Amino acid sequence: MPARSSDGQKLAVIIGFEEGKEAAEIAAEQQVNRSYAYRQQQLFRQGGLDNLLAKPIGLPGRKRSMTADMVDALLEHLELYPTAYLEEMAYFIYDQFGIWPHKSTISRRLNEATIS
């Protein structure tokens, strides 16, 4: 995975364009490719510094299908039915919350809660 560019590098690219430099010259100075320089210029033109500078990174990947509330409810259910199979747990989640989690999802979330 390529390293994330710094805000300073992005600003240097924009300053280079503002000074009238060509993209190839800016790219050589900042050790980036020309498409990167053009992309930073485009982001700056579309939304100024707020659009250009780094935004906080959230969790990568897809949003979890089983929320913390679902896991808590499942853990309470397992206190009553400790020998429940994963399929039975999936039925419980479906009955209570209306989603049908995959068995591997249930297993992962239980492992995170230190239950196996």
PDB file of N, CA and C in Angstrom:
ATOM      1  N   MET A   1       0.854  -1.171   0.000  1.00  0.00           N
ATOM      2  CA  MET A   1       0.000   0.000   0.000  1.00  0.00           C
ATOM      3  C   MET A   1       0.898   1.232   0.000  1.00  0.00           C
ATOM      4  N   PRO A   2       0.633   2.208  -0.887  1.00  0.00           N
ATOM      5  CA  PRO A   2       1.461   3.402  -0.909  1.00  0.00           C
ATOM      6  C   PRO A   2       1.254   4.232   0.350  1.00  0.00           C
ATOM      7  N   ALA A   3       2.305   4.958   0.719  1.00  0.00           N
ATOM      8  CA  ALA A   3       2.223   5.807   1.899  1.00  0.00           C
ATOM      9  C   ALA A   3       1.272   6.970   1.627  1.00  0.00           C
ATOM     10  N   ARG A   4       0.587   7.384   2.680  1.00  0.00           N
ATOM     11  CA  ARG A   4      -0.293   8.546   2.548  1.00  0.00           C
ATOM     12  C   ARG A   4       0.556   9.796   2.423  1.00  0.00           C
ATOM     13  N   SER A   5       0.118  10.714   1.577  1.00  0.00           N
ATOM     14  CA  SER A   5       0.866  11.956   1.436  1.00  0.00           C
ATOM     15  C   SER A   5       0.533  12.882   2.594  1.00  0.00           C
ATOM     16  N   SER A   6       1.479  13.736   2.916  1.00  0.00           N
ATOM     17  CA  SER A   6       1.282  14.644   4.033  1.00  0.00           C
ATOM     18  C   SER A   6       0.564  15.901   3.548  1.00  0.00           C
ATOM     19  N   ASP A   7      -0.013  16.614   4.517  1.00  0.00           N
ATOM     20  CA  ASP A   7      -0.656  17.882   4.184  1.00  0.00           C
ATOM     21  C   ASP A   7       0.361  18.865   3.628  1.00  0.00           C
ATOM     22  N   GLY A   8       1.594  18.816   4.166  1.00  0.00           N
ATOM     23  CA  GLY A   8       2.644  19.709   3.683  1.00  0.00           C
ATOM     24  C   GLY A   8       2.968  19.467   2.218  1.00  0.00           C
ATOM     25  N   GLN A   9       2.986  18.201   1.827  1.00  0.00           N
ATOM     26  CA  GLN A   9       3.265  17.871   0.431  1.00  0.00           C
ATOM     27  C   GLN A   9       2.140  18.365  -0.473  1.00  0.00           C
ATOM     28  N   LYS A  10       0.910  18.196  -0.017  1.00  0.00           N
ATOM     29  CA  LYS A  10      -0.236  18.670  -0.801  1.00  0.00           C
ATOM     30  C   LYS A  10      -0.181  20.185  -0.964  1.00  0.00           C
ATOM     31  N   LEU A  11       0.137  20.890   0.133  1.00  0.00           N
ATOM     32  CA  LEU A  11       0.235  22.350   0.066  1.00  0.00           C
ATOM     33  C   LEU A  11       1.363  22.789  -0.856  1.00  0.00           C
ATOM     34  N   ALA A  12       2.487  22.061  -0.825  1.00  0.00           N
ATOM     35  CA  ALA A  12       3.609  22.396  -1.703  1.00  0.00           C
ATOM     36  C   ALA A  12       3.212  22.258  -3.168  1.00  0.00           C
ATOM     37  N   VAL A  13       2.404  21.263  -3.478  1.00  0.00           N
ATOM     38  CA  VAL A  13       1.924  21.084  -4.855  1.00  0.00           C
ATOM     39  C   VAL A  13       1.058  22.274  -5.255  1.00  0.00           C
ATOM     40  N   ILE A  14       0.138  22.675  -4.375  1.00  0.00           N
ATOM     41  CA  ILE A  14      -0.754  23.802  -4.690  1.00  0.00           C
ATOM     42  C   ILE A  14       0.052  25.090  -4.834  1.00  0.00           C
ATOM     43  N   ILE A  15       1.003  25.322  -3.947  1.00  0.00           N
ATOM     44  CA  ILE A  15       1.840  26.524  -4.029  1.00  0.00           C
ATOM     45  C   ILE A  15       2.622  26.527  -5.338  1.00  0.00           C
ATOM     46  N   GLY A  16       3.106  25.346  -5.731  1.00  0.00           N
ATOM     47  CA  GLY A  16       3.807  25.254  -7.007  1.00  0.00           C
ATOM     48  C   GLY A  16       2.939  25.673  -8.176  1.00  0.00           C
ATOM     49  N   PHE A  17       1.693  25.223  -8.206  1.00  0.00           N
ATOM     50  CA  PHE A  17       0.779  25.635  -9.271  1.00  0.00           C
ATOM     51  C   PHE A  17       0.492  27.131  -9.192  1.00  0.00           C
ATOM     52  N   GLU A  18       0.334  27.659  -7.981  1.00  0.00           N
ATOM     53  CA  GLU A  18       0.062  29.084  -7.810  1.00  0.00           C
ATOM     54  C   GLU A  18       1.244  29.940  -8.277  1.00  0.00           C
ATOM     55  N   GLU A  19       2.453  29.396  -8.160  1.00  0.00           N
ATOM     56  CA  GLU A  19       3.649  30.108  -8.620  1.00  0.00           C
ATOM     57  C   GLU A  19       3.845  29.973 -10.122  1.00  0.00           C
ATOM     58  N   GLY A  20       2.985  29.212 -10.785  1.00  0.00           N
ATOM     59  CA  GLY A  20       3.048  29.087 -12.231  1.00  0.00           C
ATOM     60  C   GLY A  20       3.924  27.960 -12.736  1.00  0.00           C
ATOM     61  N   LYS A  21       4.323  27.079 -11.861  1.00  0.00           N
ATOM     62  CA  LYS A  21       5.161  25.959 -12.280  1.00  0.00           C
ATOM     63  C   LYS A  21       4.323  24.926 -13.031  1.00  0.00           C
ATOM     64  N   GLU A  22       4.998  24.156 -13.866  1.00  0.00           N
ATOM     65  CA  GLU A  22       4.356  23.076 -14.602  1.00  0.00           C
ATOM     66  C   GLU A  22       4.217  21.847 -13.696  1.00  0.00           C
ATOM     67  N   ALA A  23       3.251  20.998 -14.019  1.00  0.00           N
ATOM     68  CA  ALA A  23       2.989  19.803 -13.217  1.00  0.00           C
ATOM     69  C   ALA A  23       4.208  18.889 -13.156  1.00  0.00           C
ATOM     70  N   ALA A  24       4.928  18.758 -14.259  1.00  0.00           N
ATOM     71  CA  ALA A  24       6.106  17.887 -14.279  1.00  0.00           C
ATOM     72  C   ALA A  24       7.179  18.403 -13.328  1.00  0.00           C
ATOM     73  N   GLU A  25       7.361  19.712 -13.274  1.00  0.00           N
ATOM     74  CA  GLU A  25       8.360  20.307 -12.381  1.00  0.00           C
ATOM     75  C   GLU A  25       7.962  20.104 -10.911  1.00  0.00           C
ATOM     76  N   ILE A  26       6.685  20.322 -10.616  1.00  0.00           N
ATOM     77  CA  ILE A  26       6.180  20.122  -9.250  1.00  0.00           C
ATOM     78  C   ILE A  26       6.332  18.659  -8.847  1.00  0.00           C
ATOM     79  N   ALA A  27       5.968  17.768  -9.756  1.00  0.00           N
ATOM     80  CA  ALA A  27       6.045  16.335  -9.466  1.00  0.00           C
ATOM     81  C   ALA A  27       7.482  15.914  -9.173  1.00  0.00           C
ATOM     82  N   ALA A  28       8.428  16.445  -9.924  1.00  0.00           N
ATOM     83  CA  ALA A  28       9.831  16.108  -9.693  1.00  0.00           C
ATOM     84  C   ALA A  28      10.307  16.645  -8.339  1.00  0.00           C
ATOM     85  N   GLU A  29       9.916  17.869  -8.005  1.00  0.00           N
ATOM     86  CA  GLU A  29      10.331  18.462  -6.732  1.00  0.00           C
ATOM     87  C   GLU A  29       9.759  17.690  -5.536  1.00  0.00           C
ATOM     88  N   GLN A  30       8.513  17.271  -5.646  1.00  0.00           N
ATOM     89  CA  GLN A  30       7.826  16.610  -4.533  1.00  0.00           C
ATOM     90  C   GLN A  30       7.943  15.092  -4.582  1.00  0.00           C
ATOM     91  N   GLN A  31       8.599  14.585  -5.612  1.00  0.00           N
ATOM     92  CA  GLN A  31       8.772  13.142  -5.810  1.00  0.00           C
ATOM     93  C   GLN A  31       7.432  12.404  -5.854  1.00  0.00           C
ATOM     94  N   VAL A  32       6.530  12.947  -6.657  1.00  0.00           N
ATOM     95  CA  VAL A  32       5.222  12.337  -6.913  1.00  0.00           C
ATOM     96  C   VAL A  32       5.039  12.300  -8.421  1.00  0.00           C
ATOM     97  N   ASN A  33       3.984  11.647  -8.880  1.00  0.00           N
ATOM     98  CA  ASN A  33       3.753  11.658 -10.324  1.00  0.00           C
ATOM     99  C   ASN A  33       2.844  12.840 -10.703  1.00  0.00           C
ATOM    100  N   ARG A  34       2.795  13.128 -11.979  1.00  0.00           N
ATOM    101  CA  ARG A  34       2.022  14.288 -12.444  1.00  0.00           C
ATOM    102  C   ARG A  34       0.539  14.135 -12.162  1.00  0.00           C
ATOM    103  N   SER A  35       0.013  12.919 -12.262  1.00  0.00           N
ATOM    104  CA  SER A  35      -1.420  12.739 -12.016  1.00  0.00           C
ATOM    105  C   SER A  35      -1.767  13.085 -10.567  1.00  0.00           C
ATOM    106  N   TYR A  36      -0.851  12.799  -9.644  1.00  0.00           N
ATOM    107  CA  TYR A  36      -1.063  13.179  -8.246  1.00  0.00           C
ATOM    108  C   TYR A  36      -1.143  14.705  -8.132  1.00  0.00           C
ATOM    109  N   ALA A  37      -0.225  15.391  -8.774  1.00  0.00           N
ATOM    110  CA  ALA A  37      -0.213  16.857  -8.717  1.00  0.00           C
ATOM    111  C   ALA A  37      -1.508  17.424  -9.296  1.00  0.00           C
ATOM    112  N   TYR A  38      -1.939  16.905 -10.442  1.00  0.00           N
ATOM    113  CA  TYR A  38      -3.189  17.381 -11.033  1.00  0.00           C
ATOM    114  C   TYR A  38      -4.391  17.083 -10.131  1.00  0.00           C
ATOM    115  N   ARG A  39      -4.374  15.920  -9.486  1.00  0.00           N
ATOM    116  CA  ARG A  39      -5.484  15.549  -8.592  1.00  0.00           C
ATOM    117  C   ARG A  39      -5.566  16.504  -7.399  1.00  0.00           C
ATOM    118  N   GLN A  40      -4.418  16.876  -6.828  1.00  0.00           N
ATOM    119  CA  GLN A  40      -4.417  17.812  -5.707  1.00  0.00           C
ATOM    120  C   GLN A  40      -4.918  19.184  -6.146  1.00  0.00           C
ATOM    121  N   GLN A  41      -4.529  19.592  -7.337  1.00  0.00           N
ATOM    122  CA  GLN A  41      -5.004  20.863  -7.875  1.00  0.00           C
ATOM    123  C   GLN A  41      -6.527  20.832  -8.066  1.00  0.00           C
ATOM    124  N   GLN A  42      -7.026  19.718  -8.581  1.00  0.00           N
ATOM    125  CA  GLN A  42      -8.473  19.575  -8.787  1.00  0.00           C
ATOM    126  C   GLN A  42      -9.224  19.618  -7.450  1.00  0.00           C
ATOM    127  N   LEU A  43      -8.729  18.902  -6.442  1.00  0.00           N
ATOM    128  CA  LEU A  43      -9.366  18.916  -5.125  1.00  0.00           C
ATOM    129  C   LEU A  43      -9.385  20.319  -4.535  1.00  0.00           C
ATOM    130  N   PHE A  44      -8.293  21.047  -4.709  1.00  0.00           N
ATOM    131  CA  PHE A  44      -8.210  22.407  -4.184  1.00  0.00           C
ATOM    132  C   PHE A  44      -9.203  23.323  -4.889  1.00  0.00           C
ATOM    133  N   ARG A  45      -9.302  23.192  -6.205  1.00  0.00           N
ATOM    134  CA  ARG A  45     -10.246  24.025  -6.962  1.00  0.00           C
ATOM    135  C   ARG A  45     -11.701  23.717  -6.600  1.00  0.00           C
ATOM    136  N   GLN A  46     -11.982  22.458  -6.313  1.00  0.00           N
ATOM    137  CA  GLN A  46     -13.365  22.066  -5.997  1.00  0.00           C
ATOM    138  C   GLN A  46     -13.816  22.511  -4.618  1.00  0.00           C
ATOM    139  N   GLY A  47     -12.906  22.523  -3.645  1.00  0.00           N
ATOM    140  CA  GLY A  47     -13.372  22.820  -2.290  1.00  0.00           C
ATOM    141  C   GLY A  47     -12.385  23.529  -1.391  1.00  0.00           C
ATOM    142  N   GLY A  48     -11.334  24.089  -1.951  1.00  0.00           N
ATOM    143  CA  GLY A  48     -10.372  24.814  -1.137  1.00  0.00           C
ATOM    144  C   GLY A  48      -9.562  23.895  -0.231  1.00  0.00           C
ATOM    145  N   LEU A  49      -8.988  24.490   0.808  1.00  0.00           N
ATOM    146  CA  LEU A  49      -8.130  23.735   1.714  1.00  0.00           C
ATOM    147  C   LEU A  49      -8.881  22.650   2.466  1.00  0.00           C
ATOM    148  N   ASP A  50     -10.145  22.915   2.815  1.00  0.00           N
ATOM    149  CA  ASP A  50     -10.919  21.903   3.552  1.00  0.00           C
ATOM    150  C   ASP A  50     -11.055  20.612   2.748  1.00  0.00           C
ATOM    151  N   ASN A  51     -11.192  20.744   1.455  1.00  0.00           N
ATOM    152  CA  ASN A  51     -11.329  19.563   0.599  1.00  0.00           C
ATOM    153  C   ASN A  51      -9.981  18.889   0.352  1.00  0.00           C
ATOM    154  N   LEU A  52      -8.929  19.666   0.404  1.00  0.00           N
ATOM    155  CA  LEU A  52      -7.600  19.158   0.069  1.00  0.00           C
ATOM    156  C   LEU A  52      -6.935  18.422   1.234  1.00  0.00           C
ATOM    157  N   LEU A  53      -7.044  18.987   2.429  1.00  0.00           N
ATOM    158  CA  LEU A  53      -6.285  18.469   3.558  1.00  0.00           C
ATOM    159  C   LEU A  53      -6.891  17.193   4.109  1.00  0.00           C
ATOM    160  N   ALA A  54      -6.082  16.474   4.868  1.00  0.00           N
ATOM    161  CA  ALA A  54      -6.431  15.134   5.347  1.00  0.00           C
ATOM    162  C   ALA A  54      -7.711  15.133   6.166  1.00  0.00           C
ATOM    163  N   LYS A  55      -8.477  14.113   5.942  1.00  0.00           N
ATOM    164  CA  LYS A  55      -9.686  13.878   6.709  1.00  0.00           C
ATOM    165  C   LYS A  55      -9.425  12.665   7.595  1.00  0.00           C
ATOM    166  N   PRO A  56     -10.055  12.594   8.762  1.00  0.00           N
ATOM    167  CA  PRO A  56      -9.819  11.421   9.603  1.00  0.00           C
ATOM    168  C   PRO A  56     -10.249  10.141   8.900  1.00  0.00           C
ATOM    169  N   ILE A  57      -9.497   9.100   9.139  1.00  0.00           N
ATOM    170  CA  ILE A  57      -9.777   7.815   8.515  1.00  0.00           C
ATOM    171  C   ILE A  57     -10.672   7.009   9.448  1.00  0.00           C
ATOM    172  N   GLY A  58     -11.780   6.522   8.924  1.00  0.00           N
ATOM    173  CA  GLY A  58     -12.652   5.660   9.701  1.00  0.00           C
ATOM    174  C   GLY A  58     -12.187   4.218   9.610  1.00  0.00           C
ATOM    175  N   LEU A  59     -12.971   3.359  10.109  1.00  0.00           N
ATOM    176  CA  LEU A  59     -12.650   1.944   9.993  1.00  0.00           C
ATOM    177  C   LEU A  59     -12.740   1.534   8.538  1.00  0.00           C
ATOM    178  N   PRO A  60     -11.749   0.823   8.058  1.00  0.00           N
ATOM    179  CA  PRO A  60     -11.803   0.383   6.678  1.00  0.00           C
ATOM    180  C   PRO A  60     -12.808  -0.741   6.499  1.00  0.00           C
ATOM    181  N   GLY A  61     -13.286  -0.881   5.310  1.00  0.00           N
ATOM    182  CA  GLY A  61     -14.168  -1.998   4.996  1.00  0.00           C
ATOM    183  C   GLY A  61     -15.632  -1.705   5.217  1.00  0.00           C
ATOM    184  N   ARG A  62     -16.385  -2.748   5.115  1.00  0.00           N
ATOM    185  CA  ARG A  62     -17.834  -2.666   5.208  1.00  0.00           C
ATOM    186  C   ARG A  62     -18.270  -2.450   6.650  1.00  0.00           C
ATOM    187  N   LYS A  63     -19.382  -1.753   6.815  1.00  0.00           N
ATOM    188  CA  LYS A  63     -19.940  -1.526   8.134  1.00  0.00           C
ATOM    189  C   LYS A  63     -20.396  -2.862   8.720  1.00  0.00           C
ATOM    190  N   ARG A  64     -20.242  -3.025  10.024  1.00  0.00           N
ATOM    191  CA  ARG A  64     -20.603  -4.286  10.667  1.00  0.00           C
ATOM    192  C   ARG A  64     -22.102  -4.523  10.585  1.00  0.00           C
ATOM    193  N   SER A  65     -22.453  -5.767  10.288  1.00  0.00           N
ATOM    194  CA  SER A  65     -23.879  -6.098  10.190  1.00  0.00           C
ATOM    195  C   SER A  65     -24.476  -6.395  11.557  1.00  0.00           C
ATOM    196  N   MET A  66     -23.654  -6.795  12.507  1.00  0.00           N
ATOM    197  CA  MET A  66     -24.126  -7.039  13.873  1.00  0.00           C
ATOM    198  C   MET A  66     -23.630  -5.928  14.780  1.00  0.00           C
ATOM    199  N   THR A  67     -24.553  -5.136  15.301  1.00  0.00           N
ATOM    200  CA  THR A  67     -24.192  -4.032  16.171  1.00  0.00           C
ATOM    201  C   THR A  67     -23.850  -4.544  17.567  1.00  0.00           C
ATOM    202  N   ALA A  68     -23.341  -3.647  18.391  1.00  0.00           N
ATOM    203  CA  ALA A  68     -23.006  -3.998  19.773  1.00  0.00           C
ATOM    204  C   ALA A  68     -24.265  -4.423  20.536  1.00  0.00           C
ATOM    205  N   ASP A  69     -25.407  -3.794  20.243  1.00  0.00           N
ATOM    206  CA  ASP A  69     -26.662  -4.176  20.899  1.00  0.00           C
ATOM    207  C   ASP A  69     -27.041  -5.620  20.561  1.00  0.00           C
ATOM    208  N   MET A  70     -26.825  -6.000  19.332  1.00  0.00           N
ATOM    209  CA  MET A  70     -27.128  -7.371  18.914  1.00  0.00           C
ATOM    210  C   MET A  70     -26.231  -8.373  19.632  1.00  0.00           C
ATOM    211  N   VAL A  71     -24.950  -8.024  19.746  1.00  0.00           N
ATOM    212  CA  VAL A  71     -24.016  -8.917  20.431  1.00  0.00           C
ATOM    213  C   VAL A  71     -24.402  -9.040  21.899  1.00  0.00           C
ATOM    214  N   ASP A  72     -24.749  -7.910  22.530  1.00  0.00           N
ATOM    215  CA  ASP A  72     -25.167  -7.962  23.937  1.00  0.00           C
ATOM    216  C   ASP A  72     -26.398  -8.836  24.121  1.00  0.00           C
ATOM    217  N   ALA A  73     -27.375  -8.684  23.225  1.00  0.00           N
ATOM    218  CA  ALA A  73     -28.589  -9.505  23.312  1.00  0.00           C
ATOM    219  C   ALA A  73     -28.251 -10.981  23.108  1.00  0.00           C
ATOM    220  N   LEU A  74     -27.355 -11.256  22.180  1.00  0.00           N
ATOM    221  CA  LEU A  74     -26.955 -12.635  21.928  1.00  0.00           C
ATOM    222  C   LEU A  74     -26.243 -13.232  23.140  1.00  0.00           C
ATOM    223  N   LEU A  75     -25.388 -12.447  23.787  1.00  0.00           N
ATOM    224  CA  LEU A  75     -24.700 -12.934  24.978  1.00  0.00           C
ATOM    225  C   LEU A  75     -25.694 -13.246  26.102  1.00  0.00           C
ATOM    226  N   GLU A  76     -26.708 -12.411  26.250  1.00  0.00           N
ATOM    227  CA  GLU A  76     -27.753 -12.689  27.243  1.00  0.00           C
ATOM    228  C   GLU A  76     -28.509 -13.968  26.887  1.00  0.00           C
ATOM    229  N   HIS A  77     -28.792 -14.140  25.591  1.00  0.00           N
ATOM    230  CA  HIS A  77     -29.472 -15.344  25.121  1.00  0.00           C
ATOM    231  C   HIS A  77     -28.623 -16.582  25.410  1.00  0.00           C
ATOM    232  N   LEU A  78     -27.305 -16.455  25.240  1.00  0.00           N
ATOM    233  CA  LEU A  78     -26.412 -17.595  25.476  1.00  0.00           C
ATOM    234  C   LEU A  78     -26.295 -17.947  26.950  1.00  0.00           C
ATOM    235  N   GLU A  79     -26.576 -16.991  27.825  1.00  0.00           N
ATOM    236  CA  GLU A  79     -26.607 -17.319  29.252  1.00  0.00           C
ATOM    237  C   GLU A  79     -27.771 -18.259  29.555  1.00  0.00           C
ATOM    238  N   LEU A  80     -28.885 -18.088  28.820  1.00  0.00           N
ATOM    239  CA  LEU A  80     -30.048 -18.967  29.001  1.00  0.00           C
ATOM    240  C   LEU A  80     -29.892 -20.276  28.240  1.00  0.00           C
ATOM    241  N   TYR A  81     -29.266 -20.199  27.055  1.00  0.00           N
ATOM    242  CA  TYR A  81     -29.109 -21.373  26.190  1.00  0.00           C
ATOM    243  C   TYR A  81     -27.639 -21.523  25.802  1.00  0.00           C
ATOM    244  N   PRO A  82     -26.792 -21.982  26.728  1.00  0.00           N
ATOM    245  CA  PRO A  82     -25.345 -22.024  26.456  1.00  0.00           C
ATOM    246  C   PRO A  82     -24.926 -23.029  25.393  1.00  0.00           C
ATOM    247  N   THR A  83     -25.779 -23.968  25.048  1.00  0.00           N
ATOM    248  CA  THR A  83     -25.402 -24.982  24.048  1.00  0.00           C
ATOM    249  C   THR A  83     -25.993 -24.671  22.670  1.00  0.00           C
ATOM    250  N   ALA A  84     -26.438 -23.444  22.459  1.00  0.00           N
ATOM    251  CA  ALA A  84     -27.060 -23.084  21.177  1.00  0.00           C
ATOM    252  C   ALA A  84     -26.041 -23.188  20.042  1.00  0.00           C
ATOM    253  N   TYR A  85     -26.497 -23.704  18.916  1.00  0.00           N
ATOM    254  CA  TYR A  85     -25.683 -23.765  17.709  1.00  0.00           C
ATOM    255  C   TYR A  85     -25.679 -22.405  17.027  1.00  0.00           C
ATOM    256  N   LEU A  86     -24.721 -22.211  16.116  1.00  0.00           N
ATOM    257  CA  LEU A  86     -24.646 -20.951  15.391  1.00  0.00           C
ATOM    258  C   LEU A  86     -25.922 -20.677  14.604  1.00  0.00           C
ATOM    259  N   GLU A  87     -26.526 -21.729  14.028  1.00  0.00           N
ATOM    260  CA  GLU A  87     -27.779 -21.549  13.287  1.00  0.00           C
ATOM    261  C   GLU A  87     -28.880 -21.044  14.211  1.00  0.00           C
ATOM    262  N   GLU A  88     -28.929 -21.568  15.424  1.00  0.00           N
ATOM    263  CA  GLU A  88     -29.931 -21.124  16.398  1.00  0.00           C
ATOM    264  C   GLU A  88     -29.679 -19.672  16.807  1.00  0.00           C
ATOM    265  N   MET A  89     -28.416 -19.305  16.906  1.00  0.00           N
ATOM    266  CA  MET A  89     -28.083 -17.917  17.225  1.00  0.00           C
ATOM    267  C   MET A  89     -28.515 -16.989  16.095  1.00  0.00           C
ATOM    268  N   ALA A  90     -28.332 -17.445  14.855  1.00  0.00           N
ATOM    269  CA  ALA A  90     -28.755 -16.644  13.705  1.00  0.00           C
ATOM    270  C   ALA A  90     -30.267 -16.449  13.721  1.00  0.00           C
ATOM    271  N   TYR A  91     -31.014 -17.513  14.023  1.00  0.00           N
ATOM    272  CA  TYR A  91     -32.469 -17.388  14.134  1.00  0.00           C
ATOM    273  C   TYR A  91     -32.840 -16.380  15.216  1.00  0.00           C
ATOM    274  N   PHE A  92     -32.152 -16.424  16.361  1.00  0.00           N
ATOM    275  CA  PHE A  92     -32.435 -15.499  17.448  1.00  0.00           C
ATOM    276  C   PHE A  92     -32.228 -14.049  16.996  1.00  0.00           C
ATOM    277  N   ILE A  93     -31.102 -13.784  16.340  1.00  0.00           N
ATOM    278  CA  ILE A  93     -30.818 -12.424  15.859  1.00  0.00           C
ATOM    279  C   ILE A  93     -31.882 -11.991  14.854  1.00  0.00           C
ATOM    280  N   TYR A  94     -32.282 -12.916  13.990  1.00  0.00           N
ATOM    281  CA  TYR A  94     -33.318 -12.582  13.005  1.00  0.00           C
ATOM    282  C   TYR A  94     -34.636 -12.256  13.694  1.00  0.00           C
ATOM    283  N   ASP A  95     -35.024 -13.071  14.665  1.00  0.00           N
ATOM    284  CA  ASP A  95     -36.284 -12.842  15.378  1.00  0.00           C
ATOM    285  C   ASP A  95     -36.275 -11.520  16.133  1.00  0.00           C
ATOM    286  N   GLN A  96     -35.132 -11.175  16.728  1.00  0.00           N
ATOM    287  CA  GLN A  96     -35.053  -9.976  17.565  1.00  0.00           C
ATOM    288  C   GLN A  96     -34.787  -8.690  16.780  1.00  0.00           C
ATOM    289  N   PHE A  97     -33.976  -8.782  15.721  1.00  0.00           N
ATOM    290  CA  PHE A  97     -33.513  -7.570  15.045  1.00  0.00           C
ATOM    291  C   PHE A  97     -33.843  -7.511  13.546  1.00  0.00           C
ATOM    292  N   GLY A  98     -34.338  -8.586  12.993  1.00  0.00           N
ATOM    293  CA  GLY A  98     -34.745  -8.560  11.595  1.00  0.00           C
ATOM    294  C   GLY A  98     -33.617  -8.659  10.584  1.00  0.00           C
ATOM    295  N   ILE A  99     -32.428  -9.032  11.009  1.00  0.00           N
ATOM    296  CA  ILE A  99     -31.350  -9.270  10.039  1.00  0.00           C
ATOM    297  C   ILE A  99     -30.918 -10.721  10.156  1.00  0.00           C
ATOM    298  N   TRP A 100     -30.389 -11.234   9.081  1.00  0.00           N
ATOM    299  CA  TRP A 100     -29.974 -12.631   9.046  1.00  0.00           C
ATOM    300  C   TRP A 100     -28.456 -12.664   8.943  1.00  0.00           C
ATOM    301  N   PRO A 101     -27.744 -12.711  10.093  1.00  0.00           N
ATOM    302  CA  PRO A 101     -26.278 -12.718  10.032  1.00  0.00           C
ATOM    303  C   PRO A 101     -25.744 -14.081   9.603  1.00  0.00           C
ATOM    304  N   HIS A 102     -24.625 -14.062   8.944  1.00  0.00           N
ATOM    305  CA  HIS A 102     -23.967 -15.305   8.553  1.00  0.00           C
ATOM    306  C   HIS A 102     -23.341 -15.942   9.788  1.00  0.00           C
ATOM    307  N   LYS A 103     -23.206 -17.250   9.762  1.00  0.00           N
ATOM    308  CA  LYS A 103     -22.616 -17.955  10.898  1.00  0.00           C
ATOM    309  C   LYS A 103     -21.203 -17.462  11.207  1.00  0.00           C
ATOM    310  N   SER A 104     -20.441 -17.151  10.168  1.00  0.00           N
ATOM    311  CA  SER A 104     -19.074 -16.666  10.405  1.00  0.00           C
ATOM    312  C   SER A 104     -19.077 -15.297  11.075  1.00  0.00           C
ATOM    313  N   THR A 105     -20.072 -14.480  10.767  1.00  0.00           N
ATOM    314  CA  THR A 105     -20.194 -13.180  11.420  1.00  0.00           C
ATOM    315  C   THR A 105     -20.456 -13.362  12.916  1.00  0.00           C
ATOM    316  N   ILE A 106     -21.371 -14.258  13.235  1.00  0.00           N
ATOM    317  CA  ILE A 106     -21.677 -14.534  14.641  1.00  0.00           C
ATOM    318  C   ILE A 106     -20.433 -15.049  15.347  1.00  0.00           C
ATOM    319  N   SER A 107     -19.744 -15.956  14.720  1.00  0.00           N
ATOM    320  CA  SER A 107     -18.544 -16.535  15.313  1.00  0.00           C
ATOM    321  C   SER A 107     -17.487 -15.464  15.576  1.00  0.00           C
ATOM    322  N   ARG A 108     -17.253 -14.600  14.591  1.00  0.00           N
ATOM    323  CA  ARG A 108     -16.263 -13.527  14.768  1.00  0.00           C
ATOM    324  C   ARG A 108     -16.647 -12.593  15.901  1.00  0.00           C
ATOM    325  N   ARG A 109     -17.900 -12.193  15.943  1.00  0.00           N
ATOM    326  CA  ARG A 109     -18.335 -11.261  16.992  1.00  0.00           C
ATOM    327  C   ARG A 109     -18.260 -11.906  18.373  1.00  0.00           C
ATOM    328  N   LEU A 110     -18.541 -13.197  18.486  1.00  0.00           N
ATOM    329  CA  LEU A 110     -18.402 -13.889  19.775  1.00  0.00           C
ATOM    330  C   LEU A 110     -16.939 -14.003  20.172  1.00  0.00           C
ATOM    331  N   ASN A 111     -16.074 -14.255  19.202  1.00  0.00           N
ATOM    332  CA  ASN A 111     -14.636 -14.309  19.491  1.00  0.00           C
ATOM    333  C   ASN A 111     -14.130 -12.958  19.988  1.00  0.00           C
ATOM    334  N   GLU A 112     -14.635 -11.879  19.390  1.00  0.00           N
ATOM    335  CA  GLU A 112     -14.253 -10.549  19.849  1.00  0.00           C
ATOM    336  C   GLU A 112     -14.715 -10.320  21.288  1.00  0.00           C
ATOM    337  N   ALA A 113     -15.836 -10.937  21.647  1.00  0.00           N
ATOM    338  CA  ALA A 113     -16.349 -10.793  23.002  1.00  0.00           C
ATOM    339  C   ALA A 113     -15.745 -11.873  23.914  1.00  0.00           C
ATOM    340  N   THR A 114     -14.719 -12.545  23.442  1.00  0.00           N
ATOM    341  CA  THR A 114     -13.991 -13.615  24.155  1.00  0.00           C
ATOM    342  C   THR A 114     -14.878 -14.812  24.504  1.00  0.00           C
ATOM    343  N   ILE A 115     -15.835 -15.098  23.664  1.00  0.00           N
ATOM    344  CA  ILE A 115     -16.672 -16.290  23.784  1.00  0.00           C
ATOM    345  C   ILE A 115     -16.438 -17.125  22.543  1.00  0.00           C
ATOM    346  N   SER A 116     -16.317 -18.433  22.677  1.00  0.00           N
ATOM    347  CA  SER A 116     -16.147 -19.244  21.475  1.00  0.00           C
ATOM    348  C   SER A 116     -17.064 -20.447  21.496  1.00  0.00           C
TER     349      SER A 116
END
